Amino acid sequence: MTVLAVIPARGGSKGVPAKNLATVGGVPLVVRAVRAALAARHVTDVVVSTDDAAIADAARIAGAEVVLRPAAIAGDTATSEAAVLHAMDAHQAMRGVVADVVLLVQCTSPFITADDLDGVASAVTEDGADTALTVAPTHGFIWRQEGGQLTDADAKLNGYGVNHDKSNRPRRQDRPQEFLETGAAYAMRADGFREANHRFFGRTALVPTDPARVLEIDDPHDLERARVLAPLLDPAVLPSHADIDAVVLDFDGTQTDDKVLVDAEGRETVAVHRGDGLGIAALRRSGLELLILSSEQNPVVAARARKLQVPVLHGIDRKDLALKQWCDEHGVAPERVLYVGNDVNDLPCFGLVGWPVAVASAHDAVRAAARAVTTTPGGEGAIREIAAWILGPGLNTPHTNTLDKK
């Protein structure tokens, strides 16, 4: 049975510009959706429908097929159903395979999981449903008003209960269970969907999901909320050597504790961790490309790089531009770069690479944008910890906490 997952991801977005490429947990929204679909056991084919070249590139790299959507169904008024039908036709033309079941997967629901997709798919493939959707249990009292928006003075006086009577408000355990449509995932029999031309027909199955993961990104506040929640809701995924080709390290705050000692002549010194030096040496021996990239102009950065035998670019104002140029010169794909940072000037580089990593002591905004966060603060062995992620637990042998002074 062919189960086709279609992920609509157009380029235009007024609420959040370039929304589908915005990162949550260090991963673009469209890529998060692709990964969930690829991990679902019941899904056989994954297609991203888009009109945007950058989204198409990200989707292909993540492992999805891409269907380029015509302008007629890519505007603000275009329906998801139109995108799904077009993707079904295009996929059939490309593969010569007719889908039995089609899934609509919304990448604006950042915490969708493979289990969610398997749930709606199996409701149709195994349980006899014609359509299915993810829902979240709710016990809330819903209100509506007549005559306008809440900003209208008269409308504020016309509130009434939708799922309850103002004169009779039973306890939660005495009310019938209700469910909120999450907007994350839908499954439909493909032939029925073509005939009905909408996502609900016949027998509809409700597939409950965890209410804590229900979030749709419609405006910048939703996006910020998702970024804060990602470290709590995303499963811990750490990079291995097979995931990356290069490691790029910030200096201050990642290889140091972000403190500087200044003597009477204005000379600056910093403390670095010997364990980090051992980790960097192991990364160098593993064959990975290494770079220290810093905005700091102090000669101490270059001196430390020389001791570590690692190339360095420092005194750099636009680190993201320097990183992109370095990747181009070394033939390294940015999505296979692990970049370690700690402060807000590292965020542009985070948006460029596939593995943005924050140290435990990083700024809150940096931690929220990271794909992984160390348990160790900067300057206390965080780089050693990252090296152990990449190269294995052999690097976790005890080591001295003696600090190198440089």
Protein backbone atom coordinates (compact mmCIF):
# COMPACT_ATOMS: atom_id res chain seq x y z
CA MET A 1 0.00 0.00 0.00
CA THR A 2 1.34 3.42 -0.97
CA VAL A 3 0.99 6.06 1.75
CA LEU A 4 2.01 9.45 0.41
CA ALA A 5 2.82 12.25 2.88
CA VAL A 6 2.44 15.71 1.34
CA ILE A 7 3.98 18.69 3.15
CA PRO A 8 2.75 22.05 1.78
CA ALA A 9 5.44 24.70 2.29
CA ARG A 10 5.03 27.78 0.15
CA GLY A 11 7.54 30.61 0.26
CA GLY A 12 5.21 33.51 0.97
CA SER A 13 4.24 34.21 4.57
CA LYS A 14 3.04 37.52 5.94
CA GLY A 15 2.82 36.64 9.63
CA VAL A 16 6.36 35.23 9.82
CA PRO A 17 8.55 36.00 6.77
CA ALA A 18 10.20 32.86 5.36
CA LYS A 19 8.30 30.93 8.04
CA ASN A 20 8.84 27.45 6.66
CA LEU A 21 12.61 27.93 6.79
CA ALA A 22 12.54 29.39 10.32
CA THR A 23 14.41 27.17 12.76
CA VAL A 24 13.07 25.53 15.91
CA GLY A 25 15.57 23.51 17.87
CA GLY A 26 18.13 24.49 15.26
CA VAL A 27 16.19 22.79 12.44
CA PRO A 28 14.06 24.51 9.75
CA LEU A 29 10.33 23.83 10.11
CA VAL A 30 10.08 22.14 6.73
CA VAL A 31 12.98 19.84 7.61
CA ARG A 32 11.37 18.93 10.95
CA ALA A 33 8.23 17.86 9.08
CA VAL A 34 10.22 15.87 6.52
CA ARG A 35 12.12 14.02 9.23
CA ALA A 36 8.92 13.10 11.06
CA ALA A 37 7.37 11.79 7.84
CA LEU A 38 10.47 9.79 6.88
CA ALA A 39 10.55 8.23 10.35
CA ALA A 40 6.89 7.13 10.21
CA ARG A 41 6.59 3.37 9.63
CA HIS A 42 3.44 3.59 7.52
CA VAL A 43 4.62 6.38 5.20
CA THR A 44 6.15 5.13 1.95
CA ASP A 45 6.72 8.41 0.06
CA VAL A 46 7.34 11.98 1.22
CA VAL A 47 6.75 15.01 -1.00
CA VAL A 48 7.18 18.71 -0.25
CA SER A 49 5.00 21.03 -2.31
CA THR A 50 6.58 24.46 -2.67
CA ASP A 51 7.06 27.45 -4.92
CA ASP A 52 10.31 28.50 -3.22
CA ALA A 53 13.81 27.43 -4.34
CA ALA A 54 15.36 27.62 -0.86
CA ILE A 55 12.60 25.48 0.65
CA ALA A 56 13.00 23.02 -2.21
CA ASP A 57 16.74 22.73 -1.56
CA ALA A 58 16.22 22.19 2.18
CA ALA A 59 13.56 19.55 1.53
CA ARG A 60 15.73 17.62 -0.95
CA ILE A 61 18.71 17.64 1.41
CA ALA A 62 16.45 16.32 4.18
CA GLY A 63 15.43 13.41 1.95
CA ALA A 64 12.05 14.42 0.51
CA GLU A 65 10.96 14.61 -3.10
CA VAL A 66 9.94 18.08 -4.26
CA VAL A 67 6.95 19.13 -6.32
CA LEU A 68 7.14 22.69 -7.61
CA ARG A 69 3.78 24.32 -7.07
CA PRO A 70 2.40 26.65 -9.77
CA ALA A 71 1.66 30.25 -8.84
CA ALA A 72 -2.09 29.72 -9.23
CA ILE A 73 -2.15 27.61 -6.06
CA ALA A 74 0.69 29.30 -4.17
CA GLY A 75 -0.97 32.55 -3.07
CA ASP A 76 -2.50 33.59 0.24
CA THR A 77 -5.93 32.28 -0.74
CA ALA A 78 -4.74 28.88 -2.00
CA THR A 79 -6.06 25.91 -0.04
CA SER A 80 -4.03 23.05 1.37
CA GLU A 81 -6.35 20.69 -0.48
CA ALA A 82 -5.34 22.22 -3.82
CA ALA A 83 -1.65 21.75 -2.99
CA VAL A 84 -2.21 18.13 -1.96
CA LEU A 85 -4.17 17.26 -5.10
CA HIS A 86 -1.51 18.84 -7.31
CA ALA A 87 1.25 16.97 -5.43
CA MET A 88 -0.62 13.68 -5.82
CA ASP A 89 -0.86 14.17 -9.58
CA ALA A 90 2.79 15.22 -9.87
CA HIS A 91 4.00 12.29 -7.76
CA GLN A 92 1.96 9.84 -9.81
CA ALA A 93 3.43 11.28 -13.02
CA MET A 94 6.98 11.07 -11.63
CA ARG A 95 6.77 7.62 -10.06
CA GLY A 96 3.99 5.92 -11.96
CA VAL A 97 2.44 4.91 -8.64
CA VAL A 98 -1.08 5.72 -7.50
CA ALA A 99 -1.29 6.58 -3.80
CA ASP A 100 -3.75 4.56 -1.74
CA VAL A 101 -3.67 6.93 1.23
CA VAL A 102 -2.54 10.54 1.35
CA LEU A 103 -1.38 12.45 4.41
CA LEU A 104 -1.47 16.23 4.78
CA VAL A 105 1.40 17.18 7.09
CA GLN A 106 1.68 20.79 8.27
CA CYS A 107 5.23 21.97 8.93
CA THR A 108 3.85 24.90 10.96
CA SER A 109 3.23 22.33 13.73
CA PRO A 110 6.86 21.99 14.85
CA PHE A 111 6.36 19.21 17.40
CA ILE A 112 4.63 16.71 15.15
CA THR A 113 6.05 13.20 15.55
CA ALA A 114 6.34 10.03 13.51
CA ASP A 115 3.88 8.45 15.97
CA ASP A 116 1.31 11.14 15.12
CA LEU A 117 1.65 10.33 11.43
CA ASP A 118 1.53 6.60 12.00
CA GLY A 119 -1.59 7.14 14.09
CA VAL A 120 -3.60 8.89 11.39
CA ALA A 121 -2.23 6.62 8.65
CA SER A 122 -3.09 3.39 10.46
CA ALA A 123 -6.59 4.68 11.24
CA VAL A 124 -7.20 4.62 7.48
CA THR A 125 -5.04 1.67 6.40
CA GLU A 126 -5.94 -0.68 9.25
CA ASP A 127 -8.98 0.55 11.20
CA GLY A 128 -11.41 1.27 8.38
CA ALA A 129 -11.59 5.05 8.64
CA ASP A 130 -12.00 7.15 5.50
CA THR A 131 -10.28 10.15 7.06
CA ALA A 132 -8.35 10.83 10.27
CA LEU A 133 -6.86 13.80 12.08
CA THR A 134 -4.76 14.51 15.13
CA VAL A 135 -6.64 15.99 18.07
CA ALA A 136 -5.85 17.04 21.62
CA PRO A 137 -8.23 16.40 24.54
CA THR A 138 -9.64 19.59 26.02
CA HIS A 139 -11.86 20.37 28.98
CA GLY A 140 -12.11 24.10 28.39
CA PHE A 141 -15.31 26.12 28.37
CA ILE A 142 -15.62 27.77 24.96
CA TRP A 143 -17.32 31.16 24.54
CA ARG A 144 -18.54 33.04 21.51
CA GLN A 145 -19.90 36.51 20.98
CA GLU A 146 -22.46 37.94 18.63
CA GLY A 147 -22.13 41.12 16.66
CA GLY A 148 -18.43 41.67 16.09
CA GLN A 149 -14.94 41.45 17.53
CA LEU A 150 -13.97 41.87 21.16
CA THR A 151 -12.78 45.38 20.29
CA ASP A 152 -16.39 46.34 19.53
CA ALA A 153 -17.95 47.78 22.67
CA ASP A 154 -21.41 46.28 22.09
CA ALA A 155 -20.03 42.87 21.18
CA LYS A 156 -18.32 42.58 24.55
CA LEU A 157 -21.78 42.39 26.12
CA ASN A 158 -23.03 39.55 23.91
CA GLY A 159 -20.97 36.58 25.09
CA TYR A 160 -22.53 33.14 25.32
CA GLY A 161 -21.38 29.61 26.01
CA VAL A 162 -20.76 27.28 23.06
CA ASN A 163 -20.19 23.96 24.79
CA HIS A 164 -21.92 24.86 28.06
CA ASP A 165 -24.89 26.69 29.49
CA LYS A 166 -24.09 29.71 31.64
CA SER A 167 -26.62 28.51 34.18
CA ASN A 168 -25.31 24.94 34.26
CA ARG A 169 -21.55 24.40 34.36
CA PRO A 170 -20.91 20.77 35.30
CA ARG A 171 -17.66 19.49 36.72
CA ARG A 172 -15.01 18.36 34.25
CA GLN A 173 -15.58 14.69 35.05
CA ASP A 174 -19.31 15.13 34.38
CA ARG A 175 -18.87 16.73 30.96
CA PRO A 176 -18.44 14.74 27.72
CA GLN A 177 -14.86 14.59 26.46
CA GLU A 178 -14.13 17.10 23.72
CA PHE A 179 -11.19 17.35 21.33
CA LEU A 180 -9.33 20.21 19.71
CA GLU A 181 -8.18 19.81 16.10
CA THR A 182 -4.41 20.32 16.23
CA GLY A 183 -3.92 21.24 12.57
CA ALA A 184 -0.82 19.04 12.42
CA ALA A 185 -1.71 15.89 10.48
CA TYR A 186 -4.56 14.47 8.42
CA ALA A 187 -4.97 11.19 6.52
CA MET A 188 -7.44 10.44 3.73
CA ARG A 189 -8.25 7.60 1.38
CA ALA A 190 -6.78 8.95 -1.84
CA ASP A 191 -9.73 8.05 -4.09
CA GLY A 192 -12.24 9.50 -1.64
CA PHE A 193 -10.19 12.69 -1.31
CA ARG A 194 -10.16 13.16 -5.07
CA GLU A 195 -13.91 12.67 -5.21
CA ALA A 196 -14.81 14.86 -2.22
CA ASN A 197 -12.11 17.50 -2.88
CA HIS A 198 -11.76 18.14 0.85
CA ARG A 199 -10.07 16.41 3.77
CA PHE A 200 -13.17 15.23 5.67
CA PHE A 201 -15.53 12.68 4.19
CA GLY A 202 -17.04 9.38 5.22
CA ARG A 203 -16.00 8.00 8.60
CA THR A 204 -13.53 10.25 10.43
CA ALA A 205 -11.19 8.92 13.14
CA LEU A 206 -9.87 11.14 15.90
CA VAL A 207 -6.27 10.34 16.85
CA PRO A 208 -5.33 11.87 20.23
CA THR A 209 -1.91 13.43 20.68
CA ASP A 210 -0.09 14.99 23.61
CA PRO A 211 -1.64 18.44 24.32
CA ALA A 212 1.78 19.71 25.45
CA ARG A 213 3.05 19.40 21.87
CA VAL A 214 0.13 21.24 20.25
CA LEU A 215 1.36 24.50 18.78
CA GLU A 216 0.74 26.11 15.40
CA ILE A 217 3.10 28.86 14.27
CA ASP A 218 1.09 31.75 12.87
CA ASP A 219 3.00 34.77 14.21
CA PRO A 220 6.43 35.64 15.64
CA HIS A 221 5.23 35.02 19.21
CA ASP A 222 4.32 31.44 18.31
CA LEU A 223 7.77 30.97 16.82
CA GLU A 224 9.52 32.25 19.93
CA ARG A 225 7.35 30.03 22.12
CA ALA A 226 8.27 27.01 19.99
CA ARG A 227 11.97 27.80 20.32
CA VAL A 228 11.69 27.97 24.09
CA LEU A 229 9.78 24.67 24.22
CA ALA A 230 12.04 22.78 21.82
CA PRO A 231 14.71 21.82 24.40
CA LEU A 232 11.93 20.37 26.57
CA LEU A 233 9.89 18.59 23.89
CA ASP A 234 12.42 17.47 21.30
CA PRO A 235 14.01 14.06 21.84
CA ALA A 236 17.71 14.36 22.58
CA VAL A 237 19.61 13.86 19.32
CA LEU A 238 23.36 14.29 19.33
CA PRO A 239 25.59 14.40 16.27
CA SER A 240 27.90 11.57 15.28
CA HIS A 241 30.94 11.58 13.02
CA ALA A 242 28.73 10.41 10.14
CA ASP A 243 26.55 13.53 10.45
CA ILE A 244 29.22 16.19 9.96
CA ASP A 245 32.25 17.09 7.88
CA ALA A 246 33.49 20.11 9.86
CA VAL A 247 33.51 21.59 13.37
CA VAL A 248 33.68 25.37 13.73
CA LEU A 249 34.31 26.83 17.19
CA ASP A 250 33.67 30.25 18.61
CA PHE A 251 36.30 31.26 21.16
CA ASP A 252 35.16 33.54 23.97
CA GLY A 253 32.46 31.92 26.07
CA THR A 254 32.83 28.52 24.43
CA GLN A 255 36.52 27.70 24.85
CA THR A 256 36.72 30.16 27.77
CA ASP A 257 34.37 31.10 30.60
CA ASP A 258 33.92 34.52 28.91
CA LYS A 259 36.03 36.27 31.55
CA VAL A 260 39.15 38.32 30.76
CA LEU A 261 41.98 39.27 33.13
CA VAL A 262 43.58 42.67 32.36
CA ASP A 263 46.95 43.72 33.81
CA ALA A 264 48.20 47.27 34.44
CA GLU A 265 49.52 47.54 30.87
CA GLY A 266 46.16 46.53 29.39
CA ARG A 267 47.30 43.03 28.41
CA GLU A 268 44.50 40.48 28.48
CA THR A 269 44.67 36.84 29.49
CA VAL A 270 42.01 34.13 29.49
CA ALA A 271 41.75 30.62 30.92
CA VAL A 272 41.03 27.57 28.78
CA HIS A 273 40.37 23.96 29.72
CA ARG A 274 42.91 21.20 29.06
CA GLY A 275 40.09 18.77 28.37
CA ASP A 276 38.95 20.95 25.49
CA GLY A 277 42.45 20.79 24.04
CA LEU A 278 42.38 16.99 24.17
CA GLY A 279 38.95 16.94 22.53
CA ILE A 280 40.04 19.29 19.75
CA ALA A 281 43.14 17.19 19.11
CA ALA A 282 40.98 14.09 18.80
CA LEU A 283 38.63 15.85 16.39
CA ARG A 284 41.61 16.94 14.29
CA ARG A 285 42.97 13.39 14.14
CA SER A 286 39.54 12.07 13.09
CA GLY A 287 39.84 13.84 9.74
CA LEU A 288 37.17 16.49 10.31
CA GLU A 289 37.79 20.01 9.04
CA LEU A 290 38.31 22.38 11.99
CA LEU A 291 38.14 26.17 12.30
CA ILE A 292 38.18 28.68 15.14
CA LEU A 293 36.00 31.64 14.16
CA SER A 294 35.91 34.64 16.48
CA SER A 295 34.99 38.29 16.44
CA GLU A 296 37.65 38.90 19.10
CA GLN A 297 40.78 40.73 17.87
CA ASN A 298 42.98 39.84 20.85
CA PRO A 299 46.16 37.95 19.80
CA VAL A 300 45.32 35.34 22.45
CA VAL A 301 42.86 33.76 19.98
CA ALA A 302 45.54 33.19 17.35
CA ALA A 303 48.00 31.99 19.98
CA ARG A 304 45.58 29.36 21.24
CA ALA A 305 44.79 28.27 17.67
CA ARG A 306 48.50 27.81 16.95
CA LYS A 307 48.91 25.61 20.01
CA LEU A 308 45.88 23.54 18.98
CA GLN A 309 47.11 23.40 15.35
CA VAL A 310 43.72 24.62 14.16
CA PRO A 311 43.12 27.29 11.46
CA VAL A 312 41.69 30.51 12.81
CA LEU A 313 39.76 33.53 11.56
CA HIS A 314 39.45 36.24 14.21
CA GLY A 315 38.57 39.90 14.37
CA ILE A 316 35.61 39.04 12.12
CA ASP A 317 32.53 41.30 12.21
CA ARG A 318 30.22 39.18 10.02
CA LYS A 319 30.99 35.67 11.15
CA ASP A 320 28.22 34.18 9.01
CA LEU A 321 29.67 35.63 5.81
CA ALA A 322 33.15 34.46 6.77
CA LEU A 323 31.80 31.00 7.56
CA LYS A 324 29.95 30.73 4.25
CA GLN A 325 33.08 31.76 2.34
CA TRP A 326 35.17 29.25 4.30
CA CYS A 327 32.69 26.49 3.49
CA ASP A 328 32.79 27.39 -0.20
CA GLU A 329 36.58 27.41 -0.24
CA HIS A 330 36.85 24.05 1.53
CA GLY A 331 34.01 22.34 -0.34
CA VAL A 332 32.04 21.76 2.86
CA ALA A 333 28.23 21.80 2.74
CA PRO A 334 26.94 24.14 5.51
CA GLU A 335 24.30 21.59 6.52
CA ARG A 336 27.16 19.25 7.49
CA VAL A 337 28.89 21.81 9.72
CA LEU A 338 28.70 21.74 13.51
CA TYR A 339 29.09 25.25 14.90
CA VAL A 340 29.57 25.89 18.62
CA GLY A 341 28.58 29.27 20.06
CA ASN A 342 27.40 31.02 23.18
CA ASP A 343 26.15 34.53 22.42
CA VAL A 344 23.74 36.37 20.15
CA ASN A 345 26.42 37.24 17.59
CA ASP A 346 26.58 33.50 16.88
CA LEU A 347 22.92 33.31 15.82
CA PRO A 348 23.54 34.17 12.13
CA CYS A 349 25.97 31.22 11.96
CA PHE A 350 23.38 29.04 13.69
CA GLY A 351 20.98 29.83 10.85
CA LEU A 352 23.56 28.76 8.28
CA VAL A 353 24.71 25.36 9.56
CA GLY A 354 23.05 21.99 10.03
CA TRP A 355 24.27 21.46 13.60
CA PRO A 356 24.10 24.65 15.70
CA VAL A 357 25.30 23.75 19.21
CA ALA A 358 25.17 25.93 22.33
CA VAL A 359 27.25 25.51 25.46
CA ALA A 360 25.35 25.21 28.73
CA SER A 361 26.26 28.77 29.75
CA ALA A 362 25.02 30.31 26.48
CA HIS A 363 22.55 33.16 26.20
CA ASP A 364 18.92 32.01 26.42
CA ALA A 365 18.26 32.98 22.78
CA VAL A 366 21.24 30.91 21.66
CA ARG A 367 20.17 27.89 23.67
CA ALA A 368 16.68 28.17 22.18
CA ALA A 369 18.09 28.27 18.62
CA ALA A 370 20.48 25.35 19.13
CA ARG A 371 19.91 21.84 17.90
CA ALA A 372 21.88 20.48 20.85
CA VAL A 373 23.10 21.98 24.13
CA THR A 374 26.03 20.74 26.20
CA THR A 375 25.66 19.93 29.88
CA THR A 376 29.00 21.66 30.49
CA PRO A 377 29.49 25.45 30.53
CA GLY A 378 31.92 27.17 28.20
CA GLY A 379 35.51 27.07 29.41
CA GLU A 380 34.85 24.05 31.62
CA GLY A 381 35.14 21.23 29.09
CA ALA A 382 32.17 21.85 26.78
CA ILE A 383 34.26 21.20 23.66
CA ARG A 384 35.53 17.94 25.16
CA GLU A 385 31.87 16.95 25.69
CA ILE A 386 31.04 17.70 22.06
CA ALA A 387 34.05 15.70 20.88
CA ALA A 388 32.72 12.74 22.88
CA TRP A 389 29.35 13.06 21.12
CA ILE A 390 31.06 12.89 17.76
CA LEU A 391 33.80 10.36 18.39
CA GLY A 392 32.27 8.16 21.05
CA PRO A 393 32.54 7.57 24.79
CA GLY A 394 36.24 6.76 24.64
CA LEU A 395 36.82 10.47 25.12
CA ASN A 396 34.93 10.42 28.41
CA THR A 397 37.93 9.10 30.34
CA PRO A 398 38.76 11.09 33.50
CA HIS A 399 40.99 14.05 32.99
CA THR A 400 42.47 16.79 35.11
CA ASN A 401 40.63 20.04 35.62
CA THR A 402 43.86 21.96 35.42
CA LEU A 403 43.47 25.11 33.36
CA ASP A 404 45.81 26.23 30.61
CA LYS A 405 46.72 29.90 30.93
CA LYS A 406 47.31 31.60 27.60
